[in-house]
Amino acid sequence: MISVVNSAICGLREGDPQDLVARKSGEIVILVTAPDEDLAGSIALRLVEAKLAACVNVVGPIRSVYRWEKKVCDDREMLLIVKTKAQLFQRVERVVKRLHRYEVPEVIALPIMSGSRAYINWLRTSTLK
């Protein structure tokens, strides 16, 4: 689920970009980590082929330091940067969970606050309506 910071705390007005995410409209970036390039590539291809993402960058390897089951872990992972529409978040999350090997895969969304008009239009036309 996409969580949005309370707009009163941030001083946002109705219609501000974060408000778009709350209404499940607008464009977002979803971050997903994967244990290796093969899995990351499989997820990326599936999302783009299904038009759930306009583009997925596979970046890495990255170093992830995190706490899991009461232990501090330090692992090499790949980072997927998924560009899509907020309304497609739940479908993207389902695909990631179905393909992923992690018990709790990272699937977090950030609103795209601004972008070039041509790129945003391309993102919109490259994904499902």
N, C-alpha and C. Protein backbone atom coordinates (compact mmCIF):
# COMPACT_ATOMS: atom_id res chain seq x y z
N MET A 1 0.84 -1.18 0.00
CA MET A 1 0.00 0.00 0.00
C MET A 1 0.88 1.23 0.00
N ILE A 2 0.50 2.22 -0.74
CA ILE A 2 1.25 3.46 -0.80
C ILE A 2 0.86 4.32 0.39
N SER A 3 1.86 4.75 1.16
CA SER A 3 1.54 5.63 2.28
C SER A 3 1.99 7.03 1.94
N VAL A 4 1.22 7.98 2.38
CA VAL A 4 1.49 9.38 2.09
C VAL A 4 1.61 10.12 3.41
N VAL A 5 2.64 10.96 3.52
CA VAL A 5 2.84 11.76 4.71
C VAL A 5 1.66 12.71 4.86
N ASN A 6 1.21 12.90 6.07
CA ASN A 6 0.09 13.79 6.34
C ASN A 6 0.38 15.16 5.75
N SER A 7 -0.50 15.60 4.85
CA SER A 7 -0.26 16.86 4.14
C SER A 7 -0.30 18.06 5.07
N ALA A 8 -1.02 17.98 6.17
CA ALA A 8 -1.04 19.10 7.11
C ALA A 8 0.33 19.31 7.72
N ILE A 9 1.04 18.21 8.00
CA ILE A 9 2.38 18.29 8.59
C ILE A 9 3.35 18.95 7.62
N CYS A 10 3.24 18.60 6.34
CA CYS A 10 4.17 19.10 5.33
C CYS A 10 3.75 20.44 4.76
N GLY A 11 2.59 20.93 5.11
CA GLY A 11 2.13 22.21 4.57
C GLY A 11 1.68 22.12 3.13
N LEU A 12 1.23 20.96 2.70
CA LEU A 12 0.78 20.80 1.32
C LEU A 12 -0.65 21.29 1.18
N ARG A 13 -0.95 21.76 -0.01
CA ARG A 13 -2.30 22.18 -0.32
C ARG A 13 -2.95 21.12 -1.19
N GLU A 14 -4.27 21.11 -1.23
CA GLU A 14 -5.02 20.22 -2.12
C GLU A 14 -4.46 20.37 -3.53
N GLY A 15 -4.19 19.25 -4.19
CA GLY A 15 -3.66 19.30 -5.56
C GLY A 15 -2.15 19.20 -5.64
N ASP A 16 -1.45 19.23 -4.49
CA ASP A 16 0.00 19.06 -4.51
C ASP A 16 0.34 17.65 -4.98
N PRO A 17 1.56 17.41 -5.46
CA PRO A 17 1.92 16.09 -6.02
C PRO A 17 1.66 14.91 -5.09
N GLN A 18 1.94 15.03 -3.78
CA GLN A 18 1.70 13.91 -2.89
C GLN A 18 0.22 13.56 -2.85
N ASP A 19 -0.63 14.55 -3.03
CA ASP A 19 -2.06 14.33 -3.06
C ASP A 19 -2.45 13.40 -4.21
N LEU A 20 -1.71 13.48 -5.31
CA LEU A 20 -1.98 12.61 -6.47
C LEU A 20 -1.77 11.15 -6.09
N VAL A 21 -0.73 10.86 -5.32
CA VAL A 21 -0.46 9.49 -4.93
C VAL A 21 -1.57 8.98 -4.02
N ALA A 22 -2.02 9.83 -3.11
CA ALA A 22 -3.10 9.43 -2.20
C ALA A 22 -4.35 9.05 -2.98
N ARG A 23 -4.60 9.72 -4.11
CA ARG A 23 -5.78 9.42 -4.92
C ARG A 23 -5.48 8.33 -5.96
N LYS A 24 -4.26 7.75 -5.90
CA LYS A 24 -3.85 6.72 -6.85
C LYS A 24 -3.86 7.20 -8.29
N SER A 25 -3.51 8.45 -8.48
CA SER A 25 -3.32 8.96 -9.83
C SER A 25 -1.95 9.63 -9.86
N GLY A 26 -1.44 9.82 -11.02
CA GLY A 26 -0.11 10.39 -11.13
C GLY A 26 0.92 9.31 -11.38
N GLU A 27 2.15 9.72 -11.45
CA GLU A 27 3.24 8.81 -11.77
C GLU A 27 4.10 8.59 -10.53
N ILE A 28 4.67 7.40 -10.45
CA ILE A 28 5.49 7.03 -9.30
C ILE A 28 6.74 6.29 -9.75
N VAL A 29 7.69 6.21 -8.84
CA VAL A 29 8.86 5.34 -8.96
C VAL A 29 8.73 4.31 -7.86
N ILE A 30 8.89 3.05 -8.23
CA ILE A 30 8.85 1.97 -7.25
C ILE A 30 10.25 1.39 -7.14
N LEU A 31 10.72 1.24 -5.91
CA LEU A 31 12.03 0.64 -5.66
C LEU A 31 11.84 -0.80 -5.21
N VAL A 32 12.61 -1.69 -5.83
CA VAL A 32 12.58 -3.11 -5.51
C VAL A 32 14.02 -3.58 -5.47
N THR A 33 14.39 -4.36 -4.45
CA THR A 33 15.71 -4.97 -4.45
C THR A 33 15.56 -6.46 -4.76
N ALA A 34 16.61 -7.01 -5.35
CA ALA A 34 16.63 -8.44 -5.72
C ALA A 34 18.02 -8.99 -5.40
N PRO A 35 18.10 -10.29 -5.12
CA PRO A 35 19.38 -10.87 -4.71
C PRO A 35 20.41 -11.01 -5.83
N ASP A 36 19.95 -11.01 -7.09
CA ASP A 36 20.90 -11.19 -8.19
C ASP A 36 20.34 -10.58 -9.48
N GLU A 37 21.22 -10.46 -10.46
CA GLU A 37 20.86 -9.82 -11.72
C GLU A 37 19.84 -10.62 -12.51
N ASP A 38 19.90 -11.95 -12.45
CA ASP A 38 18.95 -12.78 -13.18
C ASP A 38 17.52 -12.53 -12.72
N LEU A 39 17.30 -12.56 -11.41
CA LEU A 39 15.95 -12.32 -10.89
C LEU A 39 15.52 -10.88 -11.18
N ALA A 40 16.42 -9.94 -10.98
CA ALA A 40 16.09 -8.53 -11.26
C ALA A 40 15.68 -8.36 -12.72
N GLY A 41 16.43 -8.97 -13.62
CA GLY A 41 16.10 -8.88 -15.05
C GLY A 41 14.77 -9.53 -15.38
N SER A 42 14.48 -10.66 -14.76
CA SER A 42 13.20 -11.34 -14.99
C SER A 42 12.02 -10.48 -14.55
N ILE A 43 12.15 -9.87 -13.38
CA ILE A 43 11.08 -8.99 -12.88
C ILE A 43 10.93 -7.78 -13.80
N ALA A 44 12.04 -7.18 -14.18
CA ALA A 44 12.00 -6.00 -15.05
C ALA A 44 11.31 -6.32 -16.37
N LEU A 45 11.71 -7.40 -17.01
CA LEU A 45 11.09 -7.79 -18.29
C LEU A 45 9.61 -8.05 -18.15
N ARG A 46 9.22 -8.75 -17.10
CA ARG A 46 7.80 -9.06 -16.90
C ARG A 46 6.97 -7.79 -16.73
N LEU A 47 7.48 -6.84 -15.96
CA LEU A 47 6.74 -5.59 -15.72
C LEU A 47 6.58 -4.77 -16.99
N VAL A 48 7.65 -4.68 -17.78
CA VAL A 48 7.59 -3.89 -19.02
C VAL A 48 6.74 -4.61 -20.07
N GLU A 49 6.91 -5.92 -20.21
CA GLU A 49 6.11 -6.67 -21.19
C GLU A 49 4.61 -6.58 -20.88
N ALA A 50 4.26 -6.56 -19.61
CA ALA A 50 2.85 -6.49 -19.21
C ALA A 50 2.32 -5.05 -19.21
N LYS A 51 3.17 -4.09 -19.57
CA LYS A 51 2.82 -2.66 -19.56
C LYS A 51 2.46 -2.16 -18.17
N LEU A 52 3.01 -2.82 -17.15
CA LEU A 52 2.84 -2.35 -15.78
C LEU A 52 3.90 -1.30 -15.44
N ALA A 53 4.93 -1.22 -16.25
CA ALA A 53 5.98 -0.21 -16.10
C ALA A 53 6.41 0.26 -17.48
N ALA A 54 6.69 1.54 -17.58
CA ALA A 54 7.21 2.07 -18.84
C ALA A 54 8.68 1.72 -18.98
N CYS A 55 9.38 1.70 -17.86
CA CYS A 55 10.82 1.46 -17.86
C CYS A 55 11.21 0.93 -16.49
N VAL A 56 12.18 0.01 -16.49
CA VAL A 56 12.76 -0.46 -15.23
C VAL A 56 14.28 -0.41 -15.40
N ASN A 57 14.93 0.36 -14.55
CA ASN A 57 16.39 0.36 -14.52
C ASN A 57 16.84 -0.70 -13.53
N VAL A 58 17.83 -1.49 -13.93
CA VAL A 58 18.43 -2.47 -13.03
C VAL A 58 19.82 -1.94 -12.70
N VAL A 59 20.01 -1.59 -11.44
CA VAL A 59 21.23 -0.92 -10.98
C VAL A 59 21.95 -1.84 -10.00
N GLY A 60 23.25 -1.90 -10.14
CA GLY A 60 23.97 -2.67 -9.13
C GLY A 60 25.26 -3.25 -9.65
N PRO A 61 25.86 -4.00 -8.78
CA PRO A 61 25.35 -4.36 -7.47
C PRO A 61 25.40 -3.19 -6.49
N ILE A 62 24.49 -3.24 -5.53
CA ILE A 62 24.46 -2.28 -4.44
C ILE A 62 24.72 -3.03 -3.15
N ARG A 63 25.08 -2.30 -2.12
CA ARG A 63 25.28 -2.89 -0.80
C ARG A 63 24.08 -2.54 0.06
N SER A 64 23.43 -3.54 0.63
CA SER A 64 22.28 -3.33 1.50
C SER A 64 22.62 -3.81 2.91
N VAL A 65 22.46 -2.91 3.86
CA VAL A 65 22.67 -3.24 5.27
C VAL A 65 21.30 -3.10 5.94
N TYR A 66 20.84 -4.17 6.57
CA TYR A 66 19.48 -4.17 7.11
C TYR A 66 19.37 -5.17 8.25
N ARG A 67 18.29 -5.06 9.00
CA ARG A 67 18.04 -6.00 10.09
C ARG A 67 16.99 -6.99 9.62
N TRP A 68 17.27 -8.29 9.80
CA TRP A 68 16.32 -9.34 9.44
C TRP A 68 16.42 -10.45 10.48
N GLU A 69 15.30 -10.80 11.06
CA GLU A 69 15.22 -11.86 12.07
C GLU A 69 16.27 -11.66 13.16
N LYS A 70 16.30 -10.46 13.71
CA LYS A 70 17.14 -10.08 14.85
C LYS A 70 18.63 -10.08 14.54
N LYS A 71 19.00 -10.14 13.25
CA LYS A 71 20.41 -10.08 12.85
C LYS A 71 20.61 -8.90 11.92
N VAL A 72 21.80 -8.30 11.99
CA VAL A 72 22.16 -7.28 11.03
C VAL A 72 22.82 -7.99 9.85
N CYS A 73 22.28 -7.75 8.66
CA CYS A 73 22.79 -8.38 7.44
C CYS A 73 23.48 -7.34 6.57
N ASP A 74 24.43 -7.78 5.79
CA ASP A 74 25.19 -6.91 4.89
C ASP A 74 25.34 -7.69 3.58
N ASP A 75 24.51 -7.37 2.60
CA ASP A 75 24.44 -8.16 1.37
C ASP A 75 24.60 -7.30 0.12
N ARG A 76 25.00 -7.96 -0.95
CA ARG A 76 25.03 -7.35 -2.28
C ARG A 76 23.71 -7.69 -2.96
N GLU A 77 23.06 -6.68 -3.52
CA GLU A 77 21.78 -6.87 -4.19
C GLU A 77 21.77 -6.03 -5.46
N MET A 78 20.71 -6.20 -6.23
CA MET A 78 20.43 -5.36 -7.38
C MET A 78 19.24 -4.48 -7.02
N LEU A 79 19.20 -3.27 -7.56
CA LEU A 79 18.11 -2.35 -7.31
C LEU A 79 17.34 -2.13 -8.60
N LEU A 80 16.04 -2.34 -8.55
CA LEU A 80 15.17 -2.04 -9.68
C LEU A 80 14.50 -0.70 -9.41
N ILE A 81 14.54 0.18 -10.40
CA ILE A 81 13.87 1.47 -10.33
C ILE A 81 12.77 1.42 -11.39
N VAL A 82 11.54 1.30 -10.93
CA VAL A 82 10.38 1.05 -11.79
C VAL A 82 9.61 2.35 -11.98
N LYS A 83 9.44 2.80 -13.22
CA LYS A 83 8.66 4.00 -13.50
C LYS A 83 7.29 3.58 -14.01
N THR A 84 6.24 4.04 -13.31
CA THR A 84 4.89 3.60 -13.62
C THR A 84 3.86 4.61 -13.12
N LYS A 85 2.61 4.21 -13.17
CA LYS A 85 1.50 5.03 -12.66
C LYS A 85 1.11 4.52 -11.27
N ALA A 86 0.68 5.44 -10.42
CA ALA A 86 0.26 5.07 -9.06
C ALA A 86 -0.86 4.05 -9.09
N GLN A 87 -1.75 4.14 -10.03
CA GLN A 87 -2.89 3.21 -10.10
C GLN A 87 -2.45 1.77 -10.38
N LEU A 88 -1.22 1.58 -10.85
CA LEU A 88 -0.72 0.24 -11.16
C LEU A 88 0.12 -0.36 -10.02
N PHE A 89 0.28 0.38 -8.92
CA PHE A 89 1.15 -0.09 -7.84
C PHE A 89 0.79 -1.49 -7.36
N GLN A 90 -0.46 -1.74 -7.06
CA GLN A 90 -0.84 -3.05 -6.51
C GLN A 90 -0.57 -4.18 -7.50
N ARG A 91 -0.76 -3.93 -8.78
CA ARG A 91 -0.47 -4.96 -9.78
C ARG A 91 1.03 -5.22 -9.87
N VAL A 92 1.83 -4.16 -9.82
CA VAL A 92 3.29 -4.31 -9.81
C VAL A 92 3.70 -5.11 -8.58
N GLU A 93 3.16 -4.76 -7.43
CA GLU A 93 3.50 -5.46 -6.19
C GLU A 93 3.16 -6.95 -6.29
N ARG A 94 2.02 -7.29 -6.87
CA ARG A 94 1.64 -8.71 -7.01
C ARG A 94 2.64 -9.46 -7.89
N VAL A 95 3.04 -8.86 -9.00
CA VAL A 95 4.02 -9.50 -9.89
C VAL A 95 5.34 -9.70 -9.16
N VAL A 96 5.81 -8.68 -8.48
CA VAL A 96 7.08 -8.79 -7.74
C VAL A 96 6.99 -9.91 -6.71
N LYS A 97 5.94 -9.95 -5.93
CA LYS A 97 5.79 -10.99 -4.90
C LYS A 97 5.72 -12.39 -5.52
N ARG A 98 5.07 -12.51 -6.67
CA ARG A 98 4.94 -13.82 -7.32
C ARG A 98 6.29 -14.32 -7.82
N LEU A 99 7.12 -13.42 -8.35
CA LEU A 99 8.40 -13.82 -8.96
C LEU A 99 9.57 -13.83 -7.97
N HIS A 100 9.45 -13.10 -6.89
CA HIS A 100 10.56 -12.87 -5.96
C HIS A 100 10.82 -14.07 -5.06
N ARG A 101 12.07 -14.22 -4.63
CA ARG A 101 12.44 -15.30 -3.71
C ARG A 101 12.43 -14.85 -2.25
N TYR A 102 12.46 -13.54 -2.01
CA TYR A 102 12.48 -13.06 -0.63
C TYR A 102 11.11 -13.28 0.01
N GLU A 103 11.13 -13.57 1.30
CA GLU A 103 9.89 -13.70 2.06
C GLU A 103 9.15 -12.35 2.11
N VAL A 104 9.91 -11.27 2.27
CA VAL A 104 9.34 -9.91 2.31
C VAL A 104 10.14 -9.03 1.36
N PRO A 105 9.80 -9.03 0.07
CA PRO A 105 10.55 -8.19 -0.86
C PRO A 105 10.24 -6.71 -0.65
N GLU A 106 11.25 -5.90 -0.91
CA GLU A 106 11.06 -4.45 -0.86
C GLU A 106 10.24 -4.03 -2.08
N VAL A 107 9.14 -3.36 -1.84
CA VAL A 107 8.32 -2.77 -2.90
C VAL A 107 7.77 -1.49 -2.32
N ILE A 108 8.49 -0.37 -2.56
CA ILE A 108 8.05 0.91 -2.01
C ILE A 108 7.92 1.93 -3.13
N ALA A 109 6.96 2.82 -2.99
CA ALA A 109 6.68 3.80 -4.05
C ALA A 109 6.98 5.21 -3.57
N LEU A 110 7.50 5.99 -4.49
CA LEU A 110 7.76 7.41 -4.27
C LEU A 110 7.07 8.19 -5.38
N PRO A 111 6.44 9.31 -5.05
CA PRO A 111 5.78 10.09 -6.10
C PRO A 111 6.81 10.77 -6.99
N ILE A 112 6.51 10.88 -8.26
CA ILE A 112 7.33 11.69 -9.16
C ILE A 112 6.78 13.11 -9.04
N MET A 113 7.56 13.99 -8.44
CA MET A 113 7.11 15.35 -8.16
C MET A 113 7.07 16.21 -9.41
N SER A 114 7.98 15.93 -10.34
CA SER A 114 8.06 16.71 -11.55
C SER A 114 8.88 15.91 -12.55
N GLY A 115 8.75 16.26 -13.81
CA GLY A 115 9.53 15.59 -14.85
C GLY A 115 9.31 16.29 -16.18
N SER A 116 10.15 15.98 -17.13
CA SER A 116 9.95 16.62 -18.44
C SER A 116 8.62 16.16 -19.02
N ARG A 117 7.93 17.07 -19.64
CA ARG A 117 6.61 16.78 -20.20
C ARG A 117 6.67 15.59 -21.16
N ALA A 118 7.68 15.57 -22.03
CA ALA A 118 7.80 14.49 -23.01
C ALA A 118 7.98 13.13 -22.32
N TYR A 119 8.82 13.10 -21.27
CA TYR A 119 9.05 11.83 -20.57
C TYR A 119 7.79 11.36 -19.85
N ILE A 120 7.13 12.25 -19.15
CA ILE A 120 5.90 11.88 -18.43
C ILE A 120 4.83 11.41 -19.42
N ASN A 121 4.70 12.07 -20.55
CA ASN A 121 3.73 11.63 -21.57
C ASN A 121 4.10 10.23 -22.08
N TRP A 122 5.39 9.99 -22.32
CA TRP A 122 5.83 8.67 -22.76
C TRP A 122 5.51 7.62 -21.70
N LEU A 123 5.78 7.93 -20.43
CA LEU A 123 5.48 6.99 -19.34
C LEU A 123 3.99 6.65 -19.35
N ARG A 124 3.15 7.65 -19.49
CA ARG A 124 1.70 7.43 -19.48
C ARG A 124 1.24 6.56 -20.65
N THR A 125 1.79 6.79 -21.83
CA THR A 125 1.35 6.04 -23.00
C THR A 125 1.98 4.65 -23.08
N SER A 126 3.03 4.42 -22.30
CA SER A 126 3.73 3.14 -22.33
C SER A 126 3.21 2.14 -21.30
N THR A 127 2.26 2.58 -20.49
CA THR A 127 1.71 1.71 -19.46
C THR A 127 0.20 1.55 -19.66
N LEU A 128 -0.36 0.58 -18.96
CA LEU A 128 -1.81 0.32 -19.08
C LEU A 128 -2.61 1.55 -18.67
N LYS A 129 -3.78 1.67 -19.24
CA LYS A 129 -4.69 2.78 -18.88
C LYS A 129 -5.40 2.51 -17.60
